[in-house]
Amino acid sequence: MTPHQALDPYDWPAVLRLIQTEFASMEGRIDPPSSMQVLTVEAIAEHARRGEVWVTGTPPVACMILTPKPQALYLGKLAVADSHRGKGLARALVEVAATRARVLGLPVLELQTRVELVENHAAFRAMGFAEVGRTAHPGYDRPTSVTFERAV
């Protein structure tokens, strides 16, 4: 399966369902709750207009949202359907993100994951990312997110 960029018109509800389904396991594990809970079909379509949304499969079984920042390409909402895990789909999307960063002239991929999701930390380290910082959501006096970067 080859990742492809999702462009309007697209089945944005299918992308939202994938993200909601695969992020559901975080509920009760992370504090504060995931921004996925307020993510909408309209917001995903807007991400596609202002950045890039990439998917694998029809209907999508893997996805990511890419957002250019001044010094990095931000990789967000990386999700792979449970039925397709272990097949290299996340790694393939990360490699697409690295290629897109190079094309856009951005030297780094950046992502954030929650402090509690240590299995995600390990997966991103295995894909060449290194921890570069920790931040706290508004109202929290402890780190809630870990920032990872990978040079491209």
N, C-alpha and C. Protein backbone atom coordinates (compact mmCIF):
# COMPACT_ATOMS: atom_id res chain seq x y z
N MET A 1 0.84 -1.18 0.00
CA MET A 1 0.00 0.00 0.00
C MET A 1 0.88 1.24 0.00
N THR A 2 0.55 2.15 -0.88
CA THR A 2 1.35 3.36 -1.04
C THR A 2 0.59 4.57 -0.50
N PRO A 3 1.24 5.37 0.35
CA PRO A 3 0.59 6.59 0.83
C PRO A 3 0.34 7.56 -0.33
N HIS A 4 -0.76 8.31 -0.23
CA HIS A 4 -1.04 9.35 -1.21
C HIS A 4 -1.64 10.55 -0.49
N GLN A 5 -1.43 11.72 -1.10
CA GLN A 5 -1.96 12.93 -0.51
C GLN A 5 -3.47 13.00 -0.75
N ALA A 6 -4.20 13.27 0.29
CA ALA A 6 -5.66 13.39 0.19
C ALA A 6 -5.99 14.85 -0.11
N LEU A 7 -6.70 15.05 -1.20
CA LEU A 7 -7.07 16.39 -1.63
C LEU A 7 -8.58 16.49 -1.74
N ASP A 8 -9.11 17.71 -1.57
CA ASP A 8 -10.56 17.93 -1.74
C ASP A 8 -10.95 17.63 -3.17
N PRO A 9 -12.07 17.01 -3.42
CA PRO A 9 -12.95 16.42 -2.42
C PRO A 9 -12.40 15.07 -1.98
N TYR A 10 -12.55 14.77 -0.70
CA TYR A 10 -12.07 13.51 -0.15
C TYR A 10 -13.04 13.07 0.94
N ASP A 11 -12.97 11.82 1.32
CA ASP A 11 -13.82 11.28 2.36
C ASP A 11 -13.23 11.65 3.73
N TRP A 12 -13.32 12.94 4.08
CA TRP A 12 -12.76 13.40 5.35
C TRP A 12 -13.40 12.71 6.54
N PRO A 13 -14.70 12.37 6.50
CA PRO A 13 -15.26 11.62 7.64
C PRO A 13 -14.53 10.29 7.89
N ALA A 14 -14.05 9.63 6.83
CA ALA A 14 -13.32 8.37 7.02
C ALA A 14 -11.99 8.62 7.72
N VAL A 15 -11.33 9.74 7.41
CA VAL A 15 -10.08 10.08 8.09
C VAL A 15 -10.36 10.36 9.56
N LEU A 16 -11.40 11.12 9.83
CA LEU A 16 -11.75 11.42 11.22
C LEU A 16 -12.08 10.14 11.99
N ARG A 17 -12.83 9.24 11.38
CA ARG A 17 -13.16 7.96 12.05
C ARG A 17 -11.90 7.17 12.38
N LEU A 18 -10.96 7.12 11.44
CA LEU A 18 -9.70 6.41 11.67
C LEU A 18 -8.97 7.01 12.87
N ILE A 19 -8.83 8.33 12.88
CA ILE A 19 -8.13 8.99 13.98
C ILE A 19 -8.86 8.73 15.30
N GLN A 20 -10.16 8.92 15.31
CA GLN A 20 -10.92 8.72 16.55
C GLN A 20 -10.83 7.28 17.05
N THR A 21 -10.92 6.33 16.14
CA THR A 21 -10.86 4.92 16.53
C THR A 21 -9.49 4.58 17.11
N GLU A 22 -8.43 5.00 16.42
CA GLU A 22 -7.09 4.60 16.84
C GLU A 22 -6.57 5.41 18.03
N PHE A 23 -7.11 6.60 18.25
CA PHE A 23 -6.69 7.40 19.40
C PHE A 23 -7.54 7.09 20.63
N ALA A 24 -8.61 6.32 20.46
CA ALA A 24 -9.53 6.03 21.58
C ALA A 24 -8.82 5.34 22.74
N SER A 25 -7.79 4.56 22.46
CA SER A 25 -7.09 3.84 23.53
C SER A 25 -6.37 4.79 24.49
N MET A 26 -6.19 6.04 24.09
CA MET A 26 -5.54 7.02 24.97
C MET A 26 -6.48 7.52 26.06
N GLU A 27 -7.77 7.40 25.82
CA GLU A 27 -8.74 7.92 26.77
C GLU A 27 -8.52 7.25 28.13
N GLY A 28 -8.40 8.09 29.15
CA GLY A 28 -8.14 7.58 30.49
C GLY A 28 -6.67 7.37 30.78
N ARG A 29 -5.82 7.39 29.75
CA ARG A 29 -4.38 7.21 29.94
C ARG A 29 -3.65 8.53 29.97
N ILE A 30 -4.18 9.53 29.25
CA ILE A 30 -3.48 10.81 29.14
C ILE A 30 -4.29 11.91 29.80
N ASP A 31 -3.57 12.90 30.31
CA ASP A 31 -4.20 14.05 30.94
C ASP A 31 -3.38 15.27 30.57
N PRO A 32 -3.97 16.27 29.91
CA PRO A 32 -5.38 16.41 29.56
C PRO A 32 -5.79 15.50 28.41
N PRO A 33 -7.10 15.40 28.15
CA PRO A 33 -7.58 14.56 27.04
C PRO A 33 -7.02 15.02 25.69
N SER A 34 -7.02 14.12 24.74
CA SER A 34 -6.50 14.38 23.40
C SER A 34 -7.32 15.44 22.68
N SER A 35 -6.63 16.26 21.88
CA SER A 35 -7.31 17.23 21.02
C SER A 35 -8.16 16.53 19.97
N MET A 36 -7.94 15.24 19.79
CA MET A 36 -8.75 14.45 18.86
C MET A 36 -10.22 14.56 19.22
N GLN A 37 -10.52 14.77 20.49
CA GLN A 37 -11.91 14.84 20.92
C GLN A 37 -12.65 16.04 20.36
N VAL A 38 -11.92 17.07 19.95
CA VAL A 38 -12.56 18.25 19.36
C VAL A 38 -12.25 18.38 17.87
N LEU A 39 -11.54 17.41 17.31
CA LEU A 39 -11.23 17.42 15.88
C LEU A 39 -12.50 17.19 15.08
N THR A 40 -12.66 17.94 13.99
CA THR A 40 -13.86 17.83 13.16
C THR A 40 -13.48 17.53 11.72
N VAL A 41 -14.47 17.11 10.96
CA VAL A 41 -14.29 16.89 9.52
C VAL A 41 -13.82 18.19 8.87
N GLU A 42 -14.42 19.30 9.25
CA GLU A 42 -14.06 20.60 8.68
C GLU A 42 -12.61 20.95 8.99
N ALA A 43 -12.16 20.64 10.20
CA ALA A 43 -10.77 20.93 10.58
C ALA A 43 -9.79 20.10 9.76
N ILE A 44 -10.13 18.84 9.50
CA ILE A 44 -9.25 18.00 8.68
C ILE A 44 -9.18 18.55 7.26
N ALA A 45 -10.32 18.94 6.70
CA ALA A 45 -10.34 19.53 5.36
C ALA A 45 -9.51 20.81 5.33
N GLU A 46 -9.56 21.59 6.40
CA GLU A 46 -8.76 22.82 6.48
C GLU A 46 -7.27 22.48 6.56
N HIS A 47 -6.92 21.43 7.30
CA HIS A 47 -5.52 20.98 7.33
C HIS A 47 -5.05 20.62 5.93
N ALA A 48 -5.92 19.99 5.15
CA ALA A 48 -5.55 19.62 3.78
C ALA A 48 -5.33 20.85 2.91
N ARG A 49 -6.07 21.92 3.17
CA ARG A 49 -5.91 23.15 2.39
C ARG A 49 -4.67 23.93 2.81
N ARG A 50 -4.40 23.99 4.10
CA ARG A 50 -3.29 24.80 4.61
C ARG A 50 -1.99 24.03 4.77
N GLY A 51 -2.10 22.73 4.85
CA GLY A 51 -0.94 21.85 4.98
C GLY A 51 -1.14 20.67 4.07
N GLU A 52 -0.96 19.48 4.61
CA GLU A 52 -1.14 18.27 3.82
C GLU A 52 -1.73 17.17 4.69
N VAL A 53 -2.62 16.40 4.11
CA VAL A 53 -3.15 15.19 4.75
C VAL A 53 -2.77 14.03 3.84
N TRP A 54 -2.13 13.02 4.42
CA TRP A 54 -1.70 11.84 3.67
C TRP A 54 -2.43 10.62 4.22
N VAL A 55 -2.80 9.73 3.33
CA VAL A 55 -3.52 8.52 3.72
C VAL A 55 -2.93 7.32 2.99
N THR A 56 -3.18 6.17 3.55
CA THR A 56 -2.85 4.89 2.91
C THR A 56 -4.13 4.08 2.87
N GLY A 57 -4.47 3.59 1.68
CA GLY A 57 -5.66 2.75 1.53
C GLY A 57 -6.92 3.53 1.25
N THR A 58 -7.89 2.82 0.69
CA THR A 58 -9.22 3.36 0.43
C THR A 58 -10.24 2.32 0.84
N PRO A 59 -10.97 2.54 1.91
CA PRO A 59 -10.90 3.68 2.82
C PRO A 59 -9.56 3.70 3.55
N PRO A 60 -9.22 4.85 4.13
CA PRO A 60 -7.90 4.96 4.75
C PRO A 60 -7.70 4.01 5.94
N VAL A 61 -6.53 3.38 5.96
CA VAL A 61 -6.14 2.53 7.08
C VAL A 61 -4.95 3.13 7.83
N ALA A 62 -4.41 4.23 7.30
CA ALA A 62 -3.34 4.96 7.95
C ALA A 62 -3.42 6.40 7.47
N CYS A 63 -3.02 7.33 8.34
CA CYS A 63 -3.06 8.74 7.94
C CYS A 63 -2.08 9.55 8.78
N MET A 64 -1.82 10.77 8.29
CA MET A 64 -1.05 11.76 9.05
C MET A 64 -1.40 13.13 8.51
N ILE A 65 -1.21 14.13 9.35
CA ILE A 65 -1.40 15.53 8.97
C ILE A 65 -0.05 16.22 9.07
N LEU A 66 0.33 16.93 7.99
CA LEU A 66 1.60 17.65 7.96
C LEU A 66 1.32 19.15 7.94
N THR A 67 2.02 19.88 8.80
CA THR A 67 1.84 21.33 8.91
C THR A 67 3.21 22.00 8.86
N PRO A 68 3.48 22.80 7.82
CA PRO A 68 4.75 23.52 7.77
C PRO A 68 4.84 24.56 8.88
N LYS A 69 5.99 24.59 9.54
CA LYS A 69 6.32 25.61 10.53
C LYS A 69 7.56 26.32 9.99
N PRO A 70 7.98 27.42 10.60
CA PRO A 70 9.14 28.14 10.05
C PRO A 70 10.41 27.29 9.91
N GLN A 71 10.70 26.41 10.86
CA GLN A 71 11.95 25.65 10.82
C GLN A 71 11.75 24.14 10.80
N ALA A 72 10.51 23.68 10.66
CA ALA A 72 10.26 22.24 10.71
C ALA A 72 8.93 21.91 10.03
N LEU A 73 8.79 20.66 9.66
CA LEU A 73 7.50 20.15 9.19
C LEU A 73 6.91 19.36 10.35
N TYR A 74 5.75 19.81 10.83
CA TYR A 74 5.11 19.17 11.97
C TYR A 74 4.27 18.00 11.50
N LEU A 75 4.49 16.85 12.11
CA LEU A 75 3.77 15.62 11.79
C LEU A 75 2.78 15.37 12.92
N GLY A 76 1.50 15.40 12.59
CA GLY A 76 0.48 15.21 13.61
C GLY A 76 -0.53 14.15 13.23
N LYS A 77 -1.25 13.69 14.22
CA LYS A 77 -2.36 12.74 14.05
C LYS A 77 -1.97 11.52 13.20
N LEU A 78 -0.78 11.00 13.45
CA LEU A 78 -0.36 9.76 12.79
C LEU A 78 -1.17 8.62 13.38
N ALA A 79 -1.92 7.94 12.52
CA ALA A 79 -2.78 6.85 12.98
C ALA A 79 -2.73 5.69 12.00
N VAL A 80 -2.69 4.48 12.53
CA VAL A 80 -2.74 3.26 11.72
C VAL A 80 -3.81 2.36 12.32
N ALA A 81 -4.69 1.86 11.46
CA ALA A 81 -5.75 0.95 11.93
C ALA A 81 -5.12 -0.26 12.59
N ASP A 82 -5.70 -0.68 13.69
CA ASP A 82 -5.20 -1.84 14.43
C ASP A 82 -5.02 -3.05 13.51
N SER A 83 -5.92 -3.23 12.57
CA SER A 83 -5.87 -4.38 11.65
C SER A 83 -4.68 -4.32 10.69
N HIS A 84 -4.03 -3.16 10.61
CA HIS A 84 -2.91 -3.00 9.67
C HIS A 84 -1.60 -2.66 10.38
N ARG A 85 -1.55 -2.78 11.68
CA ARG A 85 -0.31 -2.49 12.42
C ARG A 85 0.71 -3.58 12.17
N GLY A 86 1.97 -3.18 12.27
CA GLY A 86 3.06 -4.13 12.08
C GLY A 86 3.40 -4.38 10.62
N LYS A 87 2.84 -3.58 9.72
CA LYS A 87 3.09 -3.75 8.29
C LYS A 87 3.94 -2.63 7.71
N GLY A 88 4.46 -1.75 8.57
CA GLY A 88 5.33 -0.68 8.11
C GLY A 88 4.61 0.55 7.60
N LEU A 89 3.31 0.66 7.84
CA LEU A 89 2.56 1.81 7.32
C LEU A 89 2.95 3.12 8.00
N ALA A 90 3.16 3.10 9.31
CA ALA A 90 3.59 4.32 10.00
C ALA A 90 4.96 4.74 9.51
N ARG A 91 5.86 3.79 9.40
CA ARG A 91 7.21 4.11 8.90
C ARG A 91 7.14 4.69 7.49
N ALA A 92 6.30 4.12 6.63
CA ALA A 92 6.16 4.64 5.26
C ALA A 92 5.64 6.08 5.27
N LEU A 93 4.69 6.37 6.13
CA LEU A 93 4.19 7.74 6.22
C LEU A 93 5.26 8.69 6.74
N VAL A 94 6.03 8.26 7.73
CA VAL A 94 7.11 9.10 8.25
C VAL A 94 8.14 9.37 7.15
N GLU A 95 8.43 8.38 6.32
CA GLU A 95 9.37 8.61 5.21
C GLU A 95 8.80 9.59 4.19
N VAL A 96 7.50 9.52 3.94
CA VAL A 96 6.85 10.52 3.08
C VAL A 96 7.00 11.90 3.71
N ALA A 97 6.78 12.00 5.00
CA ALA A 97 6.92 13.28 5.70
C ALA A 97 8.34 13.82 5.56
N ALA A 98 9.34 12.96 5.67
CA ALA A 98 10.74 13.39 5.52
C ALA A 98 10.98 13.91 4.10
N THR A 99 10.45 13.22 3.12
CA THR A 99 10.58 13.67 1.73
C THR A 99 9.90 15.02 1.54
N ARG A 100 8.70 15.18 2.08
CA ARG A 100 7.97 16.44 1.95
C ARG A 100 8.74 17.58 2.63
N ALA A 101 9.35 17.31 3.78
CA ALA A 101 10.14 18.34 4.47
C ALA A 101 11.29 18.79 3.58
N ARG A 102 11.99 17.83 2.97
CA ARG A 102 13.10 18.19 2.08
C ARG A 102 12.59 19.03 0.91
N VAL A 103 11.49 18.62 0.30
CA VAL A 103 10.92 19.36 -0.83
C VAL A 103 10.57 20.79 -0.41
N LEU A 104 10.06 20.95 0.79
CA LEU A 104 9.67 22.27 1.29
C LEU A 104 10.86 23.07 1.84
N GLY A 105 12.05 22.48 1.83
CA GLY A 105 13.24 23.17 2.32
C GLY A 105 13.29 23.26 3.84
N LEU A 106 12.62 22.34 4.51
CA LEU A 106 12.62 22.33 5.97
C LEU A 106 13.55 21.23 6.47
N PRO A 107 14.46 21.56 7.39
CA PRO A 107 15.50 20.61 7.78
C PRO A 107 15.09 19.54 8.78
N VAL A 108 13.90 19.67 9.36
CA VAL A 108 13.55 18.82 10.50
C VAL A 108 12.08 18.41 10.43
N LEU A 109 11.82 17.17 10.84
CA LEU A 109 10.46 16.73 11.16
C LEU A 109 10.28 16.91 12.66
N GLU A 110 9.11 17.37 13.05
CA GLU A 110 8.82 17.55 14.47
C GLU A 110 7.48 16.90 14.78
N LEU A 111 7.38 16.33 15.96
CA LEU A 111 6.10 15.79 16.42
C LEU A 111 6.06 15.85 17.92
N GLN A 112 4.86 15.72 18.45
CA GLN A 112 4.69 15.65 19.90
C GLN A 112 3.85 14.42 20.23
N THR A 113 4.17 13.84 21.35
CA THR A 113 3.38 12.73 21.87
C THR A 113 3.25 12.95 23.37
N ARG A 114 2.29 12.35 23.94
CA ARG A 114 2.05 12.55 25.37
C ARG A 114 3.06 11.81 26.22
N VAL A 115 3.36 12.38 27.36
CA VAL A 115 4.33 11.82 28.30
C VAL A 115 3.99 10.37 28.64
N GLU A 116 2.71 10.09 28.80
CA GLU A 116 2.28 8.76 29.25
C GLU A 116 2.44 7.67 28.18
N LEU A 117 2.55 8.06 26.92
CA LEU A 117 2.54 7.08 25.83
C LEU A 117 3.95 6.60 25.49
N VAL A 118 4.57 5.91 26.44
CA VAL A 118 5.96 5.49 26.30
C VAL A 118 6.17 4.55 25.11
N GLU A 119 5.15 3.78 24.74
CA GLU A 119 5.28 2.92 23.56
C GLU A 119 5.42 3.75 22.29
N ASN A 120 4.78 4.92 22.24
CA ASN A 120 4.95 5.81 21.10
C ASN A 120 6.36 6.40 21.08
N HIS A 121 6.88 6.75 22.26
CA HIS A 121 8.25 7.27 22.34
C HIS A 121 9.21 6.26 21.72
N ALA A 122 9.06 5.00 22.10
CA ALA A 122 9.95 3.94 21.58
C ALA A 122 9.79 3.80 20.07
N ALA A 123 8.57 3.84 19.58
CA ALA A 123 8.34 3.70 18.13
C ALA A 123 8.98 4.85 17.37
N PHE A 124 8.84 6.07 17.87
CA PHE A 124 9.43 7.21 17.17
C PHE A 124 10.95 7.19 17.25
N ARG A 125 11.50 6.77 18.37
CA ARG A 125 12.96 6.63 18.45
C ARG A 125 13.45 5.60 17.43
N ALA A 126 12.71 4.52 17.26
CA ALA A 126 13.09 3.48 16.29
C ALA A 126 13.03 4.01 14.85
N MET A 127 12.27 5.08 14.63
CA MET A 127 12.18 5.69 13.30
C MET A 127 13.11 6.89 13.15
N GLY A 128 14.06 7.02 14.09
CA GLY A 128 15.09 8.05 13.95
C GLY A 128 14.83 9.36 14.65
N PHE A 129 13.78 9.45 15.43
CA PHE A 129 13.48 10.69 16.16
C PHE A 129 14.22 10.70 17.49
N ALA A 130 14.52 11.91 17.96
CA ALA A 130 15.15 12.09 19.27
C ALA A 130 14.34 13.10 20.07
N GLU A 131 14.23 12.86 21.35
CA GLU A 131 13.53 13.80 22.23
C GLU A 131 14.32 15.09 22.31
N VAL A 132 13.62 16.23 22.14
CA VAL A 132 14.27 17.53 22.21
C VAL A 132 13.66 18.45 23.26
N GLY A 133 12.57 18.02 23.87
CA GLY A 133 11.97 18.87 24.89
C GLY A 133 10.68 18.31 25.43
N ARG A 134 10.23 18.93 26.51
CA ARG A 134 8.95 18.58 27.12
C ARG A 134 8.22 19.88 27.42
N THR A 135 6.91 19.85 27.21
CA THR A 135 6.09 21.03 27.44
C THR A 135 4.86 20.64 28.26
N ALA A 136 4.26 21.67 28.86
CA ALA A 136 3.05 21.47 29.65
C ALA A 136 1.88 22.17 28.96
N HIS A 137 0.74 21.51 28.93
CA HIS A 137 -0.48 22.14 28.43
C HIS A 137 -0.86 23.26 29.40
N PRO A 138 -1.60 24.26 28.91
CA PRO A 138 -2.04 25.35 29.80
C PRO A 138 -2.78 24.80 31.02
N GLY A 139 -2.40 25.34 32.19
CA GLY A 139 -3.04 24.93 33.43
C GLY A 139 -2.36 23.76 34.13
N TYR A 140 -1.30 23.21 33.53
CA TYR A 140 -0.59 22.08 34.12
C TYR A 140 0.78 22.53 34.59
N ASP A 141 1.21 22.05 35.76
CA ASP A 141 2.51 22.43 36.30
C ASP A 141 3.55 21.34 36.11
N ARG A 142 3.24 20.39 35.24
CA ARG A 142 4.17 19.30 34.93
C ARG A 142 4.15 19.08 33.42
N PRO A 143 5.22 18.52 32.87
CA PRO A 143 5.21 18.22 31.43
C PRO A 143 4.08 17.25 31.08
N THR A 144 3.40 17.54 29.98
CA THR A 144 2.34 16.66 29.50
C THR A 144 2.64 16.13 28.10
N SER A 145 3.58 16.78 27.40
CA SER A 145 3.93 16.36 26.03
C SER A 145 5.44 16.28 25.87
N VAL A 146 5.86 15.37 25.02
CA VAL A 146 7.27 15.21 24.67
C VAL A 146 7.41 15.60 23.20
N THR A 147 8.36 16.48 22.92
CA THR A 147 8.63 16.89 21.54
C THR A 147 9.80 16.07 21.01
N PHE A 148 9.61 15.51 19.82
CA PHE A 148 10.63 14.74 19.13
C PHE A 148 10.95 15.42 17.81
N GLU A 149 12.21 15.31 17.38
CA GLU A 149 12.63 15.81 16.08
C GLU A 149 13.48 14.77 15.37
N ARG A 150 13.49 14.89 14.06
CA ARG A 150 14.33 14.04 13.22
C ARG A 150 14.84 14.90 12.07
N ALA A 151 16.16 14.95 11.92
CA ALA A 151 16.73 15.67 10.78
C ALA A 151 16.38 14.93 9.50
N VAL A 152 16.18 15.69 8.44
CA VAL A 152 15.85 15.07 7.16
C VAL A 152 16.99 15.28 6.17
